[in-house]
């Protein structure tokens, strides 16, 4: 069966409606009929292009986050890390933070969603590698660095601080994360 491709405007409306409803009612409360109503689309259209709720949600998250994901290049390792971590902090502290926290809360009960979110996370692992390899080229970092430590530590620290402890992801915290944790580990 050949599925007709949605035009860009229609797809955008559906993905934006999905994301907005995800913010309002969370993954568990998200209903395809509500997305269809908000996007002024038929449920058949949604199911034809997204057979599962997890697939629709993942595409909505990718679509709505794509505009905010430029990799910083400040000319220094510290500057790149601070800029990148500030972007992450802004994301977690803003409207998207609770959406992402809500998605992570259902990972144990939704294996398809979990697999998709992990794949999305893995695609971001290249960010740390790019930032570190630029630092090596500038002579700021030895070639035996461990970029994987960034992905292992930073999101967990931010998540814990913002959602578990309810503390701000402010400039002082980002500076602490960069200067006292990440740079010493990378340069060890």
N, C-alpha and C. Protein backbone atom coordinates (compact mmCIF):
# COMPACT_ATOMS: atom_id res chain seq x y z
N UNK A 1 0.84 -1.18 0.00
CA UNK A 1 0.00 0.00 0.00
C UNK A 1 0.88 1.24 0.00
N UNK A 2 0.64 2.16 -0.89
CA UNK A 2 1.40 3.39 -0.98
C UNK A 2 0.65 4.46 -0.18
N UNK A 3 1.35 5.05 0.77
CA UNK A 3 0.75 6.10 1.58
C UNK A 3 1.13 7.45 1.00
N UNK A 4 0.12 8.26 0.74
CA UNK A 4 0.37 9.59 0.20
C UNK A 4 1.08 10.44 1.25
N UNK A 5 2.12 11.11 0.85
CA UNK A 5 2.90 11.95 1.76
C UNK A 5 2.09 13.19 2.13
N UNK A 6 2.17 13.56 3.40
CA UNK A 6 1.52 14.79 3.85
C UNK A 6 2.29 15.99 3.34
N UNK A 7 1.57 17.06 3.02
CA UNK A 7 2.31 18.27 2.66
C UNK A 7 2.91 18.85 3.94
N UNK A 8 3.92 19.66 3.77
CA UNK A 8 4.71 20.16 4.89
C UNK A 8 3.85 20.93 5.91
N UNK A 9 2.94 21.74 5.43
CA UNK A 9 2.09 22.53 6.32
C UNK A 9 1.16 21.64 7.16
N UNK A 10 0.60 20.62 6.54
CA UNK A 10 -0.30 19.69 7.22
C UNK A 10 0.46 18.89 8.28
N UNK A 11 1.62 18.36 7.87
CA UNK A 11 2.44 17.60 8.81
C UNK A 11 2.86 18.47 9.99
N UNK A 12 3.26 19.68 9.70
CA UNK A 12 3.67 20.62 10.75
C UNK A 12 2.53 20.87 11.73
N UNK A 13 1.31 21.06 11.23
CA UNK A 13 0.15 21.29 12.10
C UNK A 13 -0.12 20.09 13.00
N UNK A 14 0.00 18.91 12.46
CA UNK A 14 -0.24 17.69 13.24
C UNK A 14 0.83 17.52 14.31
N UNK A 15 2.08 17.71 13.94
CA UNK A 15 3.17 17.53 14.90
C UNK A 15 3.14 18.60 15.98
N UNK A 16 2.82 19.83 15.61
CA UNK A 16 2.71 20.92 16.60
C UNK A 16 1.54 20.64 17.55
N UNK A 17 0.40 20.18 17.02
CA UNK A 17 -0.75 19.85 17.86
C UNK A 17 -0.40 18.72 18.83
N UNK A 18 0.31 17.73 18.34
CA UNK A 18 0.73 16.61 19.20
C UNK A 18 1.60 17.12 20.33
N UNK A 19 2.56 17.95 19.99
CA UNK A 19 3.50 18.47 20.99
C UNK A 19 2.78 19.33 22.03
N UNK A 20 1.87 20.18 21.56
CA UNK A 20 1.13 21.04 22.47
C UNK A 20 0.26 20.21 23.42
N UNK A 21 -0.39 19.19 22.89
CA UNK A 21 -1.21 18.33 23.74
C UNK A 21 -0.36 17.50 24.70
N UNK A 22 0.82 17.13 24.27
CA UNK A 22 1.74 16.42 25.14
C UNK A 22 2.09 17.29 26.34
N UNK A 23 2.29 18.58 26.09
CA UNK A 23 2.58 19.51 27.18
C UNK A 23 1.39 19.65 28.13
N UNK A 24 0.20 19.60 27.58
CA UNK A 24 -1.00 19.79 28.39
C UNK A 24 -1.40 18.55 29.19
N UNK A 25 -1.28 17.37 28.59
CA UNK A 25 -1.83 16.19 29.28
C UNK A 25 -0.85 15.04 29.44
N UNK A 26 0.39 15.19 28.98
CA UNK A 26 1.39 14.13 29.13
C UNK A 26 1.17 13.00 28.15
N UNK A 27 2.12 12.09 28.13
CA UNK A 27 2.06 10.98 27.18
C UNK A 27 0.86 10.08 27.45
N UNK A 28 0.66 9.73 28.71
CA UNK A 28 -0.44 8.82 29.04
C UNK A 28 -1.80 9.41 28.70
N UNK A 29 -1.95 10.73 28.84
CA UNK A 29 -3.22 11.38 28.57
C UNK A 29 -3.43 11.79 27.12
N UNK A 30 -2.40 11.66 26.31
CA UNK A 30 -2.49 12.06 24.90
C UNK A 30 -3.39 11.10 24.14
N UNK A 31 -4.35 11.63 23.42
CA UNK A 31 -5.28 10.83 22.63
C UNK A 31 -5.20 11.26 21.17
N UNK A 32 -5.16 10.30 20.28
CA UNK A 32 -5.07 10.57 18.85
C UNK A 32 -6.26 11.39 18.37
N UNK A 33 -7.44 11.11 18.91
CA UNK A 33 -8.61 11.89 18.48
C UNK A 33 -8.48 13.36 18.87
N UNK A 34 -7.83 13.64 20.00
CA UNK A 34 -7.61 15.03 20.41
C UNK A 34 -6.60 15.71 19.47
N UNK A 35 -5.57 14.98 19.08
CA UNK A 35 -4.61 15.52 18.12
C UNK A 35 -5.31 15.82 16.80
N UNK A 36 -6.11 14.88 16.34
CA UNK A 36 -6.83 15.06 15.07
C UNK A 36 -7.73 16.29 15.14
N UNK A 37 -8.44 16.45 16.23
CA UNK A 37 -9.33 17.60 16.37
C UNK A 37 -8.55 18.91 16.38
N UNK A 38 -7.47 18.95 17.14
CA UNK A 38 -6.69 20.19 17.23
C UNK A 38 -6.03 20.53 15.90
N UNK A 39 -5.55 19.52 15.19
CA UNK A 39 -4.85 19.75 13.91
C UNK A 39 -5.84 19.83 12.74
N UNK A 40 -7.10 19.63 13.02
CA UNK A 40 -8.14 19.59 11.99
C UNK A 40 -7.78 18.58 10.89
N UNK A 41 -7.49 17.38 11.38
CA UNK A 41 -7.14 16.26 10.49
C UNK A 41 -8.00 15.07 10.90
N UNK A 42 -8.08 14.10 10.05
CA UNK A 42 -8.84 12.90 10.41
C UNK A 42 -7.94 11.94 11.18
N UNK A 43 -8.58 11.13 12.02
CA UNK A 43 -7.83 10.09 12.73
C UNK A 43 -7.20 9.13 11.73
N UNK A 44 -7.90 8.87 10.63
CA UNK A 44 -7.38 7.97 9.60
C UNK A 44 -6.06 8.50 9.04
N UNK A 45 -5.98 9.80 8.83
CA UNK A 45 -4.73 10.40 8.34
C UNK A 45 -3.61 10.18 9.33
N UNK A 46 -3.90 10.41 10.60
CA UNK A 46 -2.87 10.22 11.62
C UNK A 46 -2.41 8.78 11.68
N UNK A 47 -3.35 7.84 11.72
CA UNK A 47 -2.98 6.43 11.81
C UNK A 47 -2.27 5.94 10.54
N UNK A 48 -2.61 6.52 9.41
CA UNK A 48 -1.96 6.11 8.17
C UNK A 48 -0.48 6.51 8.18
N UNK A 49 -0.18 7.67 8.74
CA UNK A 49 1.20 8.16 8.76
C UNK A 49 1.95 7.81 10.04
N UNK A 50 1.22 7.62 11.12
CA UNK A 50 1.81 7.25 12.41
C UNK A 50 0.97 6.13 13.01
N UNK A 51 1.30 4.89 12.70
CA UNK A 51 0.50 3.76 13.19
C UNK A 51 0.49 3.63 14.72
N UNK A 52 1.49 4.23 15.39
CA UNK A 52 1.55 4.13 16.85
C UNK A 52 1.63 5.52 17.48
N UNK A 53 1.13 5.62 18.67
CA UNK A 53 1.22 6.87 19.41
C UNK A 53 2.68 7.23 19.67
N UNK A 54 3.51 6.24 19.99
CA UNK A 54 4.93 6.49 20.25
C UNK A 54 5.60 7.12 19.03
N UNK A 55 5.31 6.59 17.85
CA UNK A 55 5.90 7.15 16.63
C UNK A 55 5.48 8.58 16.39
N UNK A 56 4.21 8.89 16.62
CA UNK A 56 3.71 10.25 16.47
C UNK A 56 4.38 11.19 17.46
N UNK A 57 4.50 10.76 18.70
CA UNK A 57 5.12 11.59 19.74
C UNK A 57 6.59 11.84 19.44
N UNK A 58 7.31 10.82 19.05
CA UNK A 58 8.73 10.98 18.73
C UNK A 58 8.92 11.95 17.58
N UNK A 59 8.12 11.81 16.52
CA UNK A 59 8.22 12.75 15.40
C UNK A 59 7.89 14.17 15.84
N UNK A 60 6.91 14.32 16.73
CA UNK A 60 6.54 15.65 17.23
C UNK A 60 7.68 16.25 18.04
N UNK A 61 8.30 15.45 18.89
CA UNK A 61 9.43 15.93 19.69
C UNK A 61 10.59 16.33 18.78
N UNK A 62 10.91 15.48 17.81
CA UNK A 62 12.00 15.82 16.87
C UNK A 62 11.69 17.10 16.12
N UNK A 63 10.48 17.22 15.62
CA UNK A 63 10.08 18.39 14.84
C UNK A 63 10.14 19.67 15.68
N UNK A 64 9.61 19.63 16.87
CA UNK A 64 9.51 20.83 17.69
C UNK A 64 10.83 21.21 18.35
N UNK A 65 11.73 20.27 18.46
CA UNK A 65 13.05 20.57 19.03
C UNK A 65 14.08 20.89 17.98
N UNK A 66 13.83 20.56 16.73
CA UNK A 66 14.84 20.72 15.67
C UNK A 66 15.31 22.16 15.53
N UNK A 67 14.43 23.10 15.69
CA UNK A 67 14.79 24.51 15.49
C UNK A 67 15.71 25.02 16.58
N UNK A 68 15.81 24.33 17.71
CA UNK A 68 16.60 24.84 18.82
C UNK A 68 17.92 24.11 19.01
N UNK A 69 18.32 23.31 18.04
CA UNK A 69 19.47 22.45 18.27
C UNK A 69 20.66 22.74 17.36
N UNK A 70 21.18 23.94 17.44
CA UNK A 70 22.41 24.27 16.72
C UNK A 70 23.58 24.06 17.65
N UNK A 71 24.62 23.44 17.14
CA UNK A 71 25.81 23.17 17.95
C UNK A 71 26.66 24.44 18.04
N UNK A 72 26.94 24.90 19.27
CA UNK A 72 27.71 26.14 19.41
C UNK A 72 29.17 25.97 19.01
N UNK A 73 29.75 27.04 18.47
CA UNK A 73 31.19 27.08 18.17
C UNK A 73 31.69 28.45 18.57
N UNK A 74 32.16 28.54 19.81
CA UNK A 74 32.60 29.82 20.36
C UNK A 74 34.09 30.06 20.17
N UNK A 75 34.81 29.02 19.74
CA UNK A 75 36.26 29.15 19.57
C UNK A 75 37.06 28.61 20.73
N UNK A 76 36.39 28.15 21.79
CA UNK A 76 37.12 27.54 22.91
C UNK A 76 36.29 26.38 23.48
N UNK A 77 36.97 25.42 24.06
CA UNK A 77 36.30 24.28 24.66
C UNK A 77 35.36 24.73 25.76
N UNK A 78 35.84 25.55 26.67
CA UNK A 78 35.00 26.01 27.77
C UNK A 78 33.79 26.78 27.23
N UNK A 79 34.03 27.67 26.29
CA UNK A 79 32.94 28.45 25.72
C UNK A 79 31.90 27.58 25.05
N UNK A 80 32.36 26.56 24.29
CA UNK A 80 31.43 25.65 23.63
C UNK A 80 30.59 24.87 24.65
N UNK A 81 31.25 24.40 25.71
CA UNK A 81 30.54 23.63 26.73
C UNK A 81 29.53 24.51 27.45
N UNK A 82 29.94 25.71 27.84
CA UNK A 82 29.02 26.62 28.53
C UNK A 82 27.83 26.95 27.63
N UNK A 83 28.08 27.26 26.37
CA UNK A 83 26.99 27.59 25.45
C UNK A 83 26.04 26.41 25.27
N UNK A 84 26.60 25.23 25.06
CA UNK A 84 25.78 24.02 24.87
C UNK A 84 24.97 23.70 26.13
N UNK A 85 25.63 23.73 27.29
CA UNK A 85 24.94 23.40 28.53
C UNK A 85 23.88 24.45 28.87
N UNK A 86 24.14 25.71 28.53
CA UNK A 86 23.13 26.75 28.74
C UNK A 86 21.90 26.48 27.87
N UNK A 87 22.12 26.02 26.64
CA UNK A 87 20.99 25.66 25.78
C UNK A 87 20.20 24.51 26.39
N UNK A 88 20.91 23.52 26.91
CA UNK A 88 20.24 22.39 27.56
C UNK A 88 19.46 22.86 28.79
N UNK A 89 20.07 23.75 29.57
CA UNK A 89 19.42 24.27 30.77
C UNK A 89 18.16 25.06 30.41
N UNK A 90 18.24 25.86 29.36
CA UNK A 90 17.09 26.63 28.91
C UNK A 90 15.97 25.69 28.47
N UNK A 91 16.33 24.65 27.75
CA UNK A 91 15.34 23.66 27.31
C UNK A 91 14.66 23.00 28.50
N UNK A 92 15.44 22.54 29.47
CA UNK A 92 14.87 21.86 30.63
C UNK A 92 14.07 22.80 31.52
N UNK A 93 14.46 24.06 31.57
CA UNK A 93 13.77 25.03 32.43
C UNK A 93 12.53 25.62 31.78
N UNK A 94 12.42 25.47 30.47
CA UNK A 94 11.30 26.05 29.74
C UNK A 94 10.13 25.09 29.61
N UNK A 95 9.27 25.40 28.66
CA UNK A 95 8.07 24.60 28.43
C UNK A 95 8.38 23.16 28.05
N UNK A 96 9.51 22.93 27.39
CA UNK A 96 9.83 21.59 26.93
C UNK A 96 10.34 20.68 28.04
N UNK A 97 10.84 21.24 29.11
CA UNK A 97 11.38 20.44 30.20
C UNK A 97 10.37 19.47 30.79
N UNK A 98 9.20 19.95 31.20
CA UNK A 98 8.21 19.01 31.74
C UNK A 98 7.74 17.97 30.72
N UNK A 99 7.73 18.33 29.44
CA UNK A 99 7.35 17.36 28.41
C UNK A 99 8.35 16.22 28.41
N UNK A 100 9.63 16.57 28.39
CA UNK A 100 10.68 15.55 28.36
C UNK A 100 10.69 14.74 29.65
N UNK A 101 10.49 15.41 30.79
CA UNK A 101 10.45 14.68 32.06
C UNK A 101 9.29 13.70 32.07
N UNK A 102 8.15 14.13 31.54
CA UNK A 102 6.99 13.24 31.46
C UNK A 102 7.24 12.05 30.57
N UNK A 103 7.94 12.27 29.47
CA UNK A 103 8.26 11.15 28.57
C UNK A 103 9.20 10.17 29.26
N UNK A 104 10.17 10.67 29.98
CA UNK A 104 11.09 9.77 30.67
C UNK A 104 10.39 8.98 31.77
N UNK A 105 9.34 9.55 32.33
CA UNK A 105 8.61 8.86 33.39
C UNK A 105 7.89 7.61 32.88
N UNK A 106 7.57 7.54 31.59
CA UNK A 106 6.84 6.38 31.06
C UNK A 106 7.74 5.39 30.32
N UNK A 107 9.03 5.59 30.36
CA UNK A 107 9.94 4.71 29.62
C UNK A 107 9.82 3.24 30.02
N UNK A 108 9.61 2.97 31.28
CA UNK A 108 9.54 1.57 31.74
C UNK A 108 8.30 0.86 31.20
N UNK A 109 7.22 1.59 31.02
CA UNK A 109 5.97 0.95 30.60
C UNK A 109 5.71 1.05 29.09
N UNK A 110 6.53 1.79 28.37
CA UNK A 110 6.34 1.99 26.93
C UNK A 110 7.63 1.67 26.17
N UNK A 111 7.90 0.38 25.89
CA UNK A 111 9.17 0.00 25.29
C UNK A 111 9.44 0.63 23.91
N UNK A 112 8.40 0.81 23.10
CA UNK A 112 8.61 1.43 21.79
C UNK A 112 9.05 2.88 21.94
N UNK A 113 8.41 3.60 22.82
CA UNK A 113 8.78 4.98 23.09
C UNK A 113 10.19 5.03 23.66
N UNK A 114 10.50 4.13 24.57
CA UNK A 114 11.84 4.09 25.18
C UNK A 114 12.91 3.89 24.11
N UNK A 115 12.69 2.96 23.20
CA UNK A 115 13.67 2.69 22.14
C UNK A 115 13.87 3.92 21.26
N UNK A 116 12.78 4.59 20.93
CA UNK A 116 12.86 5.78 20.08
C UNK A 116 13.58 6.93 20.79
N UNK A 117 13.26 7.14 22.07
CA UNK A 117 13.92 8.22 22.82
C UNK A 117 15.41 7.93 23.00
N UNK A 118 15.74 6.68 23.22
CA UNK A 118 17.16 6.33 23.35
C UNK A 118 17.90 6.53 22.04
N UNK A 119 17.26 6.21 20.93
CA UNK A 119 17.88 6.45 19.62
C UNK A 119 18.06 7.94 19.38
N UNK A 120 17.08 8.73 19.81
CA UNK A 120 17.19 10.18 19.67
C UNK A 120 18.35 10.71 20.50
N UNK A 121 18.48 10.19 21.72
CA UNK A 121 19.58 10.60 22.59
C UNK A 121 20.92 10.20 21.98
N UNK A 122 20.99 8.99 21.44
CA UNK A 122 22.24 8.53 20.85
C UNK A 122 22.66 9.41 19.68
N UNK A 123 21.70 9.96 18.96
CA UNK A 123 22.05 10.82 17.82
C UNK A 123 22.67 12.12 18.30
N UNK A 124 22.43 12.51 19.56
CA UNK A 124 23.01 13.73 20.10
C UNK A 124 24.40 13.49 20.67
N UNK A 125 24.79 12.24 20.83
CA UNK A 125 26.10 11.93 21.38
C UNK A 125 27.22 12.49 20.52
N UNK A 126 26.94 12.68 19.25
CA UNK A 126 27.94 13.23 18.35
C UNK A 126 28.29 14.67 18.72
N UNK A 127 27.39 15.38 19.40
CA UNK A 127 27.66 16.76 19.79
C UNK A 127 28.92 16.85 20.66
N UNK A 128 28.98 16.00 21.67
CA UNK A 128 30.14 16.01 22.57
C UNK A 128 31.41 15.68 21.80
N UNK A 129 31.32 14.73 20.89
CA UNK A 129 32.49 14.34 20.09
C UNK A 129 32.96 15.50 19.22
N UNK A 130 32.05 16.20 18.59
CA UNK A 130 32.41 17.33 17.72
C UNK A 130 33.08 18.43 18.54
N UNK A 131 32.49 18.78 19.68
CA UNK A 131 33.06 19.83 20.53
C UNK A 131 34.46 19.43 21.00
N UNK A 132 34.63 18.19 21.42
CA UNK A 132 35.94 17.75 21.91
C UNK A 132 36.96 17.65 20.78
N UNK A 133 36.57 17.17 19.62
CA UNK A 133 37.54 17.08 18.52
C UNK A 133 37.98 18.46 18.06
N UNK A 134 37.08 19.44 18.10
CA UNK A 134 37.50 20.82 17.79
C UNK A 134 38.52 21.31 18.81
N UNK A 135 38.31 20.94 20.09
CA UNK A 135 39.25 21.35 21.14
C UNK A 135 40.62 20.71 20.94
N UNK A 136 40.65 19.47 20.49
CA UNK A 136 41.92 18.80 20.19
C UNK A 136 42.63 19.55 19.07
N UNK A 137 41.90 19.90 18.02
CA UNK A 137 42.49 20.62 16.88
C UNK A 137 43.04 21.98 17.30
N UNK A 138 42.42 22.61 18.30
CA UNK A 138 42.90 23.91 18.79
C UNK A 138 44.01 23.76 19.83
N UNK A 139 44.32 22.52 20.22
CA UNK A 139 45.36 22.27 21.23
C UNK A 139 44.88 22.43 22.66
N UNK A 140 43.58 22.44 22.88
CA UNK A 140 43.03 22.62 24.22
C UNK A 140 42.83 21.30 24.96
N UNK A 141 42.87 20.20 24.23
CA UNK A 141 42.53 18.91 24.81
C UNK A 141 43.41 17.84 24.20
N UNK A 142 43.84 16.88 25.03
CA UNK A 142 44.60 15.75 24.53
C UNK A 142 43.69 14.85 23.70
N UNK A 143 44.27 14.06 22.84
CA UNK A 143 43.49 13.21 21.95
C UNK A 143 42.87 12.00 22.67
N UNK A 144 43.22 11.75 23.90
CA UNK A 144 42.65 10.61 24.62
C UNK A 144 41.48 11.01 25.53
N UNK A 145 40.80 12.08 25.18
CA UNK A 145 39.65 12.55 25.95
C UNK A 145 38.53 11.51 25.94
N UNK A 146 37.57 11.69 26.86
CA UNK A 146 36.40 10.80 26.94
C UNK A 146 35.13 11.62 26.78
N UNK A 147 34.74 11.88 25.55
CA UNK A 147 33.54 12.68 25.27
C UNK A 147 32.29 12.03 25.84
N UNK A 148 32.29 10.71 25.96
CA UNK A 148 31.11 10.01 26.49
C UNK A 148 30.78 10.41 27.91
N UNK A 149 31.77 10.94 28.65
CA UNK A 149 31.51 11.39 30.02
C UNK A 149 30.53 12.56 30.05
N UNK A 150 30.56 13.38 29.01
CA UNK A 150 29.63 14.51 28.95
C UNK A 150 28.19 14.00 28.92
N UNK A 151 27.94 13.07 28.02
CA UNK A 151 26.58 12.53 27.88
C UNK A 151 26.16 11.70 29.10
N UNK A 152 27.13 11.16 29.78
CA UNK A 152 26.85 10.34 30.95
C UNK A 152 26.51 11.20 32.17
N UNK A 153 27.12 12.36 32.27
CA UNK A 153 27.01 13.16 33.49
C UNK A 153 26.06 14.36 33.37
N UNK A 154 26.19 15.13 32.32
CA UNK A 154 25.50 16.42 32.25
C UNK A 154 23.97 16.31 32.26
N UNK A 155 23.35 15.50 31.39
CA UNK A 155 21.89 15.44 31.44
C UNK A 155 21.38 14.93 32.80
N UNK A 156 22.08 13.99 33.40
CA UNK A 156 21.66 13.46 34.70
C UNK A 156 21.73 14.53 35.78
N UNK A 157 22.80 15.30 35.78
CA UNK A 157 22.95 16.37 36.77
C UNK A 157 21.87 17.44 36.60
N UNK A 158 21.61 17.80 35.35
CA UNK A 158 20.59 18.82 35.08
C UNK A 158 19.20 18.30 35.45
N UNK A 159 18.91 17.09 35.07
CA UNK A 159 17.61 16.50 35.37
C UNK A 159 17.39 16.45 36.89
N UNK A 160 18.38 15.96 37.60
CA UNK A 160 18.29 15.84 39.06
C UNK A 160 18.08 17.22 39.70
N UNK A 161 18.87 18.17 39.28
CA UNK A 161 18.77 19.52 39.87
C UNK A 161 17.41 20.15 39.57
N UNK A 162 16.98 20.08 38.31
CA UNK A 162 15.75 20.77 37.92
C UNK A 162 14.50 20.07 38.44
N UNK A 163 14.42 18.76 38.25
CA UNK A 163 13.17 18.06 38.53
C UNK A 163 13.12 17.40 39.90
N UNK A 164 14.20 16.83 40.36
CA UNK A 164 14.18 16.17 41.67
C UNK A 164 14.38 17.17 42.80
N UNK A 165 15.31 18.10 42.61
CA UNK A 165 15.61 19.06 43.67
C UNK A 165 14.86 20.37 43.53
N UNK A 166 14.35 20.66 42.33
CA UNK A 166 13.62 21.91 42.11
C UNK A 166 14.49 23.14 42.16
N UNK A 167 15.76 22.99 41.87
CA UNK A 167 16.69 24.12 41.90
C UNK A 167 16.92 24.64 40.48
N UNK A 168 17.30 25.90 40.36
CA UNK A 168 17.44 26.49 39.02
C UNK A 168 18.67 25.98 38.27
N UNK A 169 18.52 25.92 36.97
CA UNK A 169 19.65 25.60 36.09
C UNK A 169 20.20 26.94 35.59
N UNK A 170 20.80 27.68 36.51
CA UNK A 170 21.27 29.03 36.21
C UNK A 170 22.72 29.04 35.76
N UNK A 171 23.23 30.23 35.45
CA UNK A 171 24.61 30.37 34.95
C UNK A 171 25.62 29.85 35.96
N UNK A 172 25.38 30.08 37.24
CA UNK A 172 26.32 29.60 38.27
C UNK A 172 26.40 28.08 38.26
N UNK A 173 25.26 27.42 38.10
CA UNK A 173 25.26 25.96 38.04
C UNK A 173 25.98 25.47 36.80
N UNK A 174 25.72 26.08 35.65
CA UNK A 174 26.38 25.68 34.41
C UNK A 174 27.89 25.88 34.52
N UNK A 175 28.31 27.01 35.07
CA UNK A 175 29.75 27.25 35.26
C UNK A 175 30.36 26.18 36.16
N UNK A 176 29.67 25.83 37.25
CA UNK A 176 30.14 24.77 38.15
C UNK A 176 30.25 23.44 37.41
N UNK A 177 29.25 23.11 36.63
CA UNK A 177 29.24 21.86 35.87
C UNK A 177 30.43 21.81 34.91
N UNK A 178 30.68 22.91 34.23
CA UNK A 178 31.79 22.97 33.26
C UNK A 178 33.13 22.99 33.98
N UNK A 179 33.32 23.95 34.90
CA UNK A 179 34.64 24.20 35.51
C UNK A 179 35.06 23.16 36.55
N UNK A 180 34.10 22.67 37.31
CA UNK A 180 34.45 21.78 38.42
C UNK A 180 34.26 20.31 38.12
N UNK A 181 33.49 19.99 37.08
CA UNK A 181 33.21 18.57 36.80
C UNK A 181 33.70 18.16 35.42
N UNK A 182 33.18 18.77 34.36
CA UNK A 182 33.45 18.30 33.01
C UNK A 182 34.86 18.60 32.53
N UNK A 183 35.31 19.85 32.64
CA UNK A 183 36.67 20.15 32.17
C UNK A 183 37.73 19.32 32.91
N UNK A 184 37.69 19.21 34.24
CA UNK A 184 38.69 18.36 34.91
C UNK A 184 38.64 16.90 34.43
N UNK A 185 37.44 16.37 34.19
CA UNK A 185 37.35 14.99 33.71
C UNK A 185 37.92 14.85 32.30
N UNK A 186 37.61 15.80 31.43
CA UNK A 186 38.12 15.73 30.06
C UNK A 186 39.64 15.91 30.01
N UNK A 187 40.15 16.73 30.90
CA UNK A 187 41.58 17.05 30.86
C UNK A 187 42.42 16.15 31.76
N UNK A 188 41.79 15.20 32.44
CA UNK A 188 42.53 14.31 33.36
C UNK A 188 43.44 13.38 32.60
